[in-house]
């Protein structure tokens, strides 16, 4: 028998959906099908998720037979792909190059879901300039004996005050698992080596302020029961889950952007493909700021740090 297939409209582009009833998340039953995954990505692709992925070369973490099946980590876009997709040439540490998926339209995200992608992994650069990151990334990675609660404490009580002192703005999100990711928007004036070194300096200062809770040791045997700040997430070709990406967990958790105040009381299991879309709408969350080098973009909030926001300051008087 021929596999079932249909077309769905994604902002004017027809994306073919095959085998919509295939179960990707067995524990979720009818809420864990391929159709449900595609519907989730369709709901977020045109707004906040597109803002975080736009113009970024993106790797695909695929599970075509569901999360209990084979994993395919795809860095190169298939040779035969729909005409509506765009690509970006990236250079790996080895010097080899590849054409990666370039996310420029919501249809690219929905197509990725159609291909069995559970998680999208963007680079910290935007095409065409793939040599200069516009993000510095902080990955708080719990080690055995620690979990989300410990990572949350480090993020809220140590990292956030440090960023405030430095005049930097961090955007936290759950990893979808036990960890926490924090993004810092930066000018694309530095290469991967310089940005990685800046990430190391920041991580070391967090470690100095909380040596019993944080480690920057690359060797697992030296980390103990502390939160490891994975500074190498700022190296070339290292990626982690995008904002609003689903993760390979039994309940389909989502790597969810939060405010710092929300993070202080967050539970990562509360954010799943069945809850995130409704939760963001209820919280009135929209787009996030672009890097300083970008022109003002449609739907983007005011691009000014809170301490210099005259409208906010007048409101709080």
Protein backbone atom coordinates (compact mmCIF):
# COMPACT_ATOMS: atom_id res chain seq x y z
CA UNK A 1 0.00 0.00 0.00
CA UNK A 2 1.17 3.53 -0.71
CA UNK A 3 2.06 5.56 2.37
CA UNK A 4 -0.51 8.20 3.33
CA UNK A 5 0.47 11.73 2.35
CA UNK A 6 -1.05 15.19 2.29
CA UNK A 7 -0.04 18.79 1.76
CA UNK A 8 -0.20 21.52 4.37
CA UNK A 9 0.06 25.23 3.73
CA UNK A 10 2.86 27.01 5.60
CA UNK A 11 2.69 30.73 4.93
CA UNK A 12 1.97 30.20 1.26
CA UNK A 13 4.28 27.22 0.71
CA UNK A 14 2.89 23.70 0.33
CA UNK A 15 4.83 21.22 2.49
CA UNK A 16 4.22 17.53 1.87
CA UNK A 17 3.46 15.48 4.97
CA UNK A 18 3.82 11.71 4.79
CA UNK A 19 2.87 9.05 7.34
CA UNK A 20 1.20 11.56 9.68
CA UNK A 21 -0.07 8.85 12.04
CA UNK A 22 3.36 7.33 12.73
CA UNK A 23 4.00 7.38 16.47
CA UNK A 24 7.13 9.33 17.45
CA UNK A 25 6.56 9.57 21.21
CA UNK A 26 4.94 6.27 22.32
CA UNK A 27 4.21 7.42 25.86
CA UNK A 28 2.00 10.24 24.53
CA UNK A 29 -0.25 8.04 22.40
CA UNK A 30 -2.31 10.12 19.95
CA UNK A 31 -0.52 13.27 21.13
CA UNK A 32 2.82 11.77 20.15
CA UNK A 33 2.34 11.24 16.43
CA UNK A 34 4.26 12.76 13.57
CA UNK A 35 1.22 14.89 12.78
CA UNK A 36 1.25 16.30 16.31
CA UNK A 37 4.97 17.12 16.03
CA UNK A 38 4.45 18.86 12.68
CA UNK A 39 1.45 20.78 14.05
CA UNK A 40 3.54 21.99 16.97
CA UNK A 41 6.35 23.20 14.73
CA UNK A 42 3.87 24.81 12.36
CA UNK A 43 2.41 26.75 15.30
CA UNK A 44 5.76 28.17 16.48
CA UNK A 45 7.65 28.34 13.17
CA UNK A 46 6.22 31.65 12.02
CA UNK A 47 6.99 33.59 15.17
CA UNK A 48 9.54 33.23 17.97
CA UNK A 49 11.22 30.12 16.64
CA UNK A 50 11.85 31.67 13.23
CA UNK A 51 13.33 34.72 14.94
CA UNK A 52 15.90 32.56 16.71
CA UNK A 53 16.73 30.46 13.63
CA UNK A 54 16.50 32.98 10.81
CA UNK A 55 19.52 32.93 8.49
CA UNK A 56 21.32 30.35 10.63
CA UNK A 57 22.84 27.18 9.16
CA UNK A 58 21.09 24.40 11.03
CA UNK A 59 21.77 20.75 11.72
CA UNK A 60 18.93 18.27 12.07
CA UNK A 61 18.64 15.63 14.79
CA UNK A 62 16.30 13.15 13.11
CA UNK A 63 14.41 10.11 14.36
CA UNK A 64 12.43 8.95 11.30
CA UNK A 65 11.03 5.94 13.20
CA UNK A 66 10.35 7.79 16.44
CA UNK A 67 12.48 8.48 19.49
CA UNK A 68 13.05 4.77 20.14
CA UNK A 69 14.46 4.28 16.63
CA UNK A 70 17.71 5.14 14.91
CA UNK A 71 19.11 8.64 15.35
CA UNK A 72 20.44 10.51 12.32
CA UNK A 73 22.41 13.68 13.03
CA UNK A 74 22.35 15.42 9.67
CA UNK A 75 24.71 18.30 8.96
CA UNK A 76 24.27 18.36 5.19
CA UNK A 77 20.96 19.03 3.49
CA UNK A 78 19.87 16.13 1.23
CA UNK A 79 20.95 16.52 -2.38
CA UNK A 80 17.36 16.27 -3.54
CA UNK A 81 15.28 18.70 -1.52
CA UNK A 82 12.30 20.97 -2.22
CA UNK A 83 12.99 24.10 -4.24
CA UNK A 84 11.66 26.33 -1.47
CA UNK A 85 14.56 25.46 0.82
CA UNK A 86 17.75 27.51 0.98
CA UNK A 87 21.23 26.42 1.96
CA UNK A 88 24.33 27.93 3.52
CA UNK A 89 27.89 26.70 3.08
CA UNK A 90 29.64 26.04 6.36
CA UNK A 91 33.24 25.09 7.10
CA UNK A 92 34.04 22.40 9.65
CA UNK A 93 37.17 22.42 11.87
CA UNK A 94 38.74 19.92 9.44
CA UNK A 95 38.48 22.48 6.66
CA UNK A 96 35.84 20.52 4.77
CA UNK A 97 32.69 22.33 3.71
CA UNK A 98 29.03 21.40 3.46
CA UNK A 99 25.72 22.90 2.44
CA UNK A 100 23.54 23.06 5.54
CA UNK A 101 19.87 23.92 5.79
CA UNK A 102 19.41 27.69 6.00
CA UNK A 103 16.25 28.66 7.83
CA UNK A 104 14.66 31.66 6.13
CA UNK A 105 10.96 30.73 6.14
CA UNK A 106 8.62 28.80 8.46
CA UNK A 107 8.30 26.13 5.76
CA UNK A 108 11.93 25.11 6.37
CA UNK A 109 11.13 24.27 9.99
CA UNK A 110 7.99 22.33 9.08
CA UNK A 111 9.89 20.48 6.33
CA UNK A 112 12.50 19.48 8.91
CA UNK A 113 9.73 18.02 11.10
CA UNK A 114 8.36 16.16 8.08
CA UNK A 115 11.82 14.61 7.69
CA UNK A 116 11.58 13.20 11.21
CA UNK A 117 13.56 16.00 12.86
CA UNK A 118 12.87 16.19 16.58
CA UNK A 119 15.47 18.87 17.38
CA UNK A 120 16.98 21.66 15.27
CA UNK A 121 20.56 22.67 16.09
CA UNK A 122 21.57 26.10 14.74
CA UNK A 123 25.05 27.51 14.46
CA UNK A 124 25.85 30.72 16.36
CA UNK A 125 26.37 32.58 13.08
CA UNK A 126 24.09 34.00 10.40
CA UNK A 127 24.69 33.61 6.67
CA UNK A 128 26.43 34.84 4.70
CA UNK A 129 28.99 35.63 7.43
CA UNK A 130 29.69 32.18 8.82
CA UNK A 131 33.03 33.12 10.38
CA UNK A 132 31.83 35.57 13.03
CA UNK A 133 29.34 34.46 15.72
CA UNK A 134 26.60 36.84 16.78
CA UNK A 135 25.85 34.85 19.94
CA UNK A 136 27.87 33.82 22.96
CA UNK A 137 26.35 30.70 24.48
CA UNK A 138 26.45 29.52 28.09
CA UNK A 139 25.61 25.85 28.63
CA UNK A 140 24.97 24.87 32.25
CA UNK A 141 25.33 21.09 32.15
CA UNK A 142 24.44 19.13 35.31
CA UNK A 143 26.82 16.34 36.24
CA UNK A 144 25.91 13.11 38.08
CA UNK A 145 24.49 14.00 41.47
CA UNK A 146 23.12 17.33 40.25
CA UNK A 147 20.08 18.30 38.20
CA UNK A 148 17.93 21.13 36.97
CA UNK A 149 17.50 22.63 40.43
CA UNK A 150 21.26 23.10 40.84
CA UNK A 151 21.63 24.50 37.31
CA UNK A 152 18.78 26.92 38.01
CA UNK A 153 20.44 28.15 41.20
CA UNK A 154 23.70 28.82 39.39
CA UNK A 155 21.89 30.62 36.57
CA UNK A 156 19.70 32.81 38.74
CA UNK A 157 21.94 33.46 41.74
CA UNK A 158 25.40 33.57 40.15
CA UNK A 159 25.31 34.05 36.38
CA UNK A 160 22.53 36.64 36.22
CA UNK A 161 24.11 39.04 38.78
CA UNK A 162 27.45 38.71 36.97
CA UNK A 163 25.86 39.61 33.63
CA UNK A 164 24.17 42.60 35.28
CA UNK A 165 27.54 43.79 36.58
CA UNK A 166 29.05 43.48 33.12
CA UNK A 167 26.14 45.28 31.47
CA UNK A 168 25.26 42.20 29.44
CA UNK A 169 21.81 40.80 28.72
CA UNK A 170 21.30 37.05 28.86
CA UNK A 171 18.31 35.19 27.48
CA UNK A 172 17.78 31.93 29.39
CA UNK A 173 15.93 28.84 28.24
CA UNK A 174 15.47 25.32 29.43
CA UNK A 175 17.51 22.77 27.51
CA UNK A 176 14.52 20.45 27.45
CA UNK A 177 16.39 18.18 29.84
CA UNK A 178 18.21 18.86 33.09
CA UNK A 179 20.33 21.75 31.85
CA UNK A 180 19.93 25.45 31.12
CA UNK A 181 21.11 27.47 28.13
CA UNK A 182 21.75 31.22 28.18
CA UNK A 183 22.26 33.23 24.99
CA UNK A 184 24.05 36.58 24.82
CA UNK A 185 23.59 38.64 21.66
CA UNK A 186 26.92 40.07 20.52
CA UNK A 187 28.22 42.07 17.58
CA UNK A 188 29.66 39.88 14.85
CA UNK A 189 33.07 41.53 15.19
CA UNK A 190 34.98 38.49 16.48
CA UNK A 191 35.83 35.04 15.17
CA UNK A 192 35.12 31.69 16.84
CA UNK A 193 38.43 31.68 18.69
CA UNK A 194 37.84 35.07 20.31
CA UNK A 195 34.22 34.29 21.21
CA UNK A 196 35.21 30.95 22.71
CA UNK A 197 37.86 32.68 24.82
CA UNK A 198 35.27 35.17 26.03
CA UNK A 199 33.02 32.24 26.95
CA UNK A 200 35.87 30.68 28.92
CA UNK A 201 36.52 33.94 30.78
CA UNK A 202 32.85 34.24 31.69
CA UNK A 203 32.67 30.61 32.81
CA UNK A 204 35.78 30.96 34.97
CA UNK A 205 34.33 33.99 36.74
CA UNK A 206 31.14 32.06 37.50
CA UNK A 207 33.33 29.23 38.82
CA UNK A 208 35.33 31.64 41.01
CA UNK A 209 32.11 32.96 42.54
CA UNK A 210 30.67 29.51 43.23
CA UNK A 211 33.54 26.99 43.27
CA UNK A 212 31.55 24.38 45.18
CA UNK A 213 28.69 24.49 42.69
CA UNK A 214 30.40 25.14 39.33
CA UNK A 215 33.28 23.65 37.38
CA UNK A 216 34.97 24.43 34.08
CA UNK A 217 37.04 21.24 34.10
CA UNK A 218 36.98 19.53 30.72
CA UNK A 219 37.86 16.17 32.34
CA UNK A 220 34.83 14.40 33.76
CA UNK A 221 36.83 12.80 36.56
CA UNK A 222 37.56 16.28 37.95
CA UNK A 223 34.04 17.72 37.81
CA UNK A 224 32.56 16.10 40.90
CA UNK A 225 28.92 16.86 41.75
CA UNK A 226 28.94 20.32 40.22
CA UNK A 227 27.42 22.11 37.25
CA UNK A 228 29.79 22.02 34.29
CA UNK A 229 29.85 25.11 32.07
CA UNK A 230 30.56 23.68 28.64
CA UNK A 231 32.68 26.47 27.18
CA UNK A 232 33.26 24.48 24.00
CA UNK A 233 29.69 25.17 22.93
CA UNK A 234 31.20 28.36 21.51
CA UNK A 235 33.61 26.48 19.26
CA UNK A 236 33.09 26.12 15.52
CA UNK A 237 30.55 23.44 14.54
CA UNK A 238 29.28 23.01 18.11
CA UNK A 239 25.56 23.51 18.44
CA UNK A 240 22.76 22.96 20.86
CA UNK A 241 18.98 22.87 20.62
CA UNK A 242 17.30 25.96 19.29
CA UNK A 243 14.68 27.83 21.24
CA UNK A 244 11.35 26.02 20.89
CA UNK A 245 12.96 22.79 19.69
CA UNK A 246 11.41 19.54 20.88
CA UNK A 247 13.74 17.09 22.63
CA UNK A 248 14.07 13.33 22.59
CA UNK A 249 12.26 12.70 25.87
CA UNK A 250 9.26 10.45 26.55
CA UNK A 251 6.96 13.44 27.12
CA UNK A 252 8.34 15.54 24.23
CA UNK A 253 9.74 18.37 26.32
CA UNK A 254 10.60 21.65 24.60
CA UNK A 255 13.68 23.84 25.00
CA UNK A 256 11.72 26.86 26.17
CA UNK A 257 12.77 30.53 26.51
CA UNK A 258 11.85 32.00 29.90
CA UNK A 259 12.30 35.26 31.71
CA UNK A 260 14.75 35.18 34.59
CA UNK A 261 11.86 35.43 37.04
CA UNK A 262 10.08 32.52 35.38
CA UNK A 263 13.27 30.47 35.41
CA UNK A 264 13.55 30.87 39.19
CA UNK A 265 10.47 28.67 39.63
CA UNK A 266 10.60 26.59 36.46
CA UNK A 267 10.24 22.84 36.03
CA UNK A 268 11.47 21.68 32.60
CA UNK A 269 8.83 18.93 32.45
CA UNK A 270 6.12 21.59 32.36
CA UNK A 271 7.14 22.65 28.85
CA UNK A 272 6.10 20.14 26.17
CA UNK A 273 4.63 20.12 22.67
CA UNK A 274 1.17 20.04 24.26
CA UNK A 275 1.71 23.04 26.56
CA UNK A 276 4.26 25.47 25.14
CA UNK A 277 2.20 27.15 22.42
CA UNK A 278 -0.68 27.91 24.77
CA UNK A 279 1.67 29.02 27.55
CA UNK A 280 3.49 31.56 25.36
CA UNK A 281 0.23 33.03 24.12
CA UNK A 282 -1.06 33.38 27.68
CA UNK A 283 2.19 35.08 28.72
CA UNK A 284 1.99 37.47 25.79
CA UNK A 285 5.45 36.52 24.58
CA UNK A 286 6.51 37.58 21.11
CA UNK A 287 9.78 38.12 19.31
CA UNK A 288 13.19 38.75 20.91
CA UNK A 289 15.85 41.37 19.98
CA UNK A 290 18.08 40.87 16.95
CA UNK A 291 21.88 41.45 17.14
CA UNK A 292 22.97 45.13 17.08
CA UNK A 293 24.16 44.93 13.46
CA UNK A 294 20.67 44.09 12.15
CA UNK A 295 18.12 46.69 10.99
CA UNK A 296 14.91 46.96 12.98
CA UNK A 297 12.89 43.84 12.13
CA UNK A 298 9.09 43.41 11.94
CA UNK A 299 7.60 42.44 15.29
CA UNK A 300 10.89 42.93 17.14
CA UNK A 301 10.63 44.49 20.61
CA UNK A 302 12.44 47.70 21.50
CA UNK A 303 16.17 47.07 21.15
CA UNK A 304 17.43 48.76 24.29
CA UNK A 305 18.63 47.35 27.58
CA UNK A 306 16.14 47.78 30.44
CA UNK A 307 18.28 50.29 32.38
CA UNK A 308 18.21 52.64 29.38
CA UNK A 309 14.58 52.08 28.36
CA UNK A 310 13.00 55.50 28.98
CA UNK A 311 9.47 54.16 28.43
CA UNK A 312 10.00 51.44 31.01
CA UNK A 313 11.63 53.83 33.46
CA UNK A 314 8.70 56.27 33.23
CA UNK A 315 6.27 53.40 33.77
CA UNK A 316 8.08 52.31 36.92
CA UNK A 317 8.19 55.78 38.51
